[in-house]
Amino acid sequence: MKSRYHILLTVLVGLALAAATAVCLHSLEEIHYLKSFFPGTFTVEEAFYAGALELIKVTIIVLPLVLLIAVCLFFLRRRNEP
């Protein structure tokens, strides 16, 4: 039988993955919105800078979630070792 600790860590990993996925999908939707909003004036260089800015935003938001996932997986692995 799994302990509550194991279930809690697994749920935290799942929630962090869901949040990271939501952030990435929102970023993609925002780039598509900008592309449709400025069809004639959006140059390749501006699209590159918009993509780079979104990448920076996603990295800043998702980095703590990746750290949380890593810590949870560390404790899950450590708990399963004899």
Protein backbone atom coordinates (compact mmCIF):
# COMPACT_ATOMS: atom_id res chain seq x y z
CA MET A 1 0.00 0.00 0.00
CA LYS A 2 1.31 3.41 -0.95
CA SER A 3 1.81 5.92 1.80
CA ARG A 4 0.19 9.34 1.79
CA TYR A 5 3.64 10.85 1.37
CA HIS A 6 4.18 8.96 -1.90
CA ILE A 7 0.73 9.93 -3.20
CA LEU A 8 1.25 13.60 -2.25
CA LEU A 9 4.59 13.77 -4.08
CA THR A 10 3.08 12.10 -7.15
CA VAL A 11 0.17 14.55 -7.17
CA LEU A 12 2.57 17.49 -6.82
CA VAL A 13 4.56 16.25 -9.83
CA GLY A 14 1.37 15.91 -11.86
CA LEU A 15 0.13 19.37 -10.91
CA ALA A 16 3.50 20.95 -11.72
CA LEU A 17 3.54 19.23 -15.13
CA ALA A 18 -0.01 20.42 -15.81
CA ALA A 19 0.89 23.99 -14.85
CA ALA A 20 4.01 23.96 -17.04
CA THR A 21 1.98 22.64 -19.96
CA ALA A 22 -0.64 25.36 -19.45
CA VAL A 23 2.04 28.07 -19.41
CA CYS A 24 3.61 26.77 -22.63
CA LEU A 25 0.26 26.52 -24.42
CA HIS A 26 -0.69 30.03 -23.30
CA SER A 27 2.59 31.33 -24.68
CA LEU A 28 1.91 29.68 -28.04
CA GLU A 29 -1.59 31.15 -28.15
CA GLU A 30 -0.17 34.60 -27.39
CA ILE A 31 2.30 34.36 -30.28
CA HIS A 32 -0.48 33.25 -32.64
CA TYR A 33 -2.63 36.15 -31.42
CA LEU A 34 0.14 38.65 -32.12
CA LYS A 35 0.67 37.12 -35.55
CA SER A 36 -3.02 37.48 -36.43
CA PHE A 37 -3.29 40.96 -34.89
CA PHE A 38 -0.41 42.43 -36.91
CA PRO A 39 -0.55 40.55 -40.24
CA GLY A 40 0.93 43.24 -42.47
CA THR A 41 3.42 44.87 -40.16
CA PHE A 42 4.84 41.90 -38.24
CA THR A 43 8.31 41.39 -39.72
CA VAL A 44 10.47 38.32 -39.31
CA GLU A 45 12.75 40.19 -36.92
CA GLU A 46 9.82 41.29 -34.76
CA ALA A 47 8.50 37.71 -34.74
CA PHE A 48 11.91 36.51 -33.60
CA TYR A 49 11.99 39.02 -30.75
CA ALA A 50 8.41 38.15 -29.74
CA GLY A 51 9.35 34.47 -29.67
CA ALA A 52 12.49 35.18 -27.66
CA LEU A 53 10.49 37.24 -25.17
CA GLU A 54 7.95 34.45 -24.78
CA LEU A 55 10.77 31.94 -24.26
CA ILE A 56 12.23 34.10 -21.49
CA LYS A 57 8.81 34.46 -19.85
CA VAL A 58 8.15 30.71 -20.01
CA THR A 59 11.61 29.95 -18.62
CA ILE A 60 11.12 32.29 -15.67
CA ILE A 61 7.69 30.85 -14.87
CA VAL A 62 8.48 27.16 -15.45
CA LEU A 63 11.90 27.05 -13.76
CA PRO A 64 10.47 26.85 -10.20
CA LEU A 65 8.07 24.14 -11.38
CA VAL A 66 10.97 22.11 -12.80
CA LEU A 67 12.80 22.52 -9.50
CA LEU A 68 9.70 21.29 -7.62
CA ILE A 69 9.45 18.26 -9.93
CA ALA A 70 13.13 17.45 -9.44
CA VAL A 71 12.87 17.64 -5.65
CA CYS A 72 9.73 15.48 -5.59
CA LEU A 73 11.31 12.87 -7.86
CA PHE A 74 14.43 12.86 -5.69
CA PHE A 75 12.38 12.11 -2.59
CA LEU A 76 10.29 9.51 -4.41
CA ARG A 77 13.43 7.71 -5.58
CA ARG A 78 15.06 7.96 -2.18
CA ARG A 79 11.95 6.56 -0.52
CA ASN A 80 11.93 3.49 -2.81
CA GLU A 81 15.57 2.58 -2.15
CA PRO A 82 16.14 -0.11 0.50
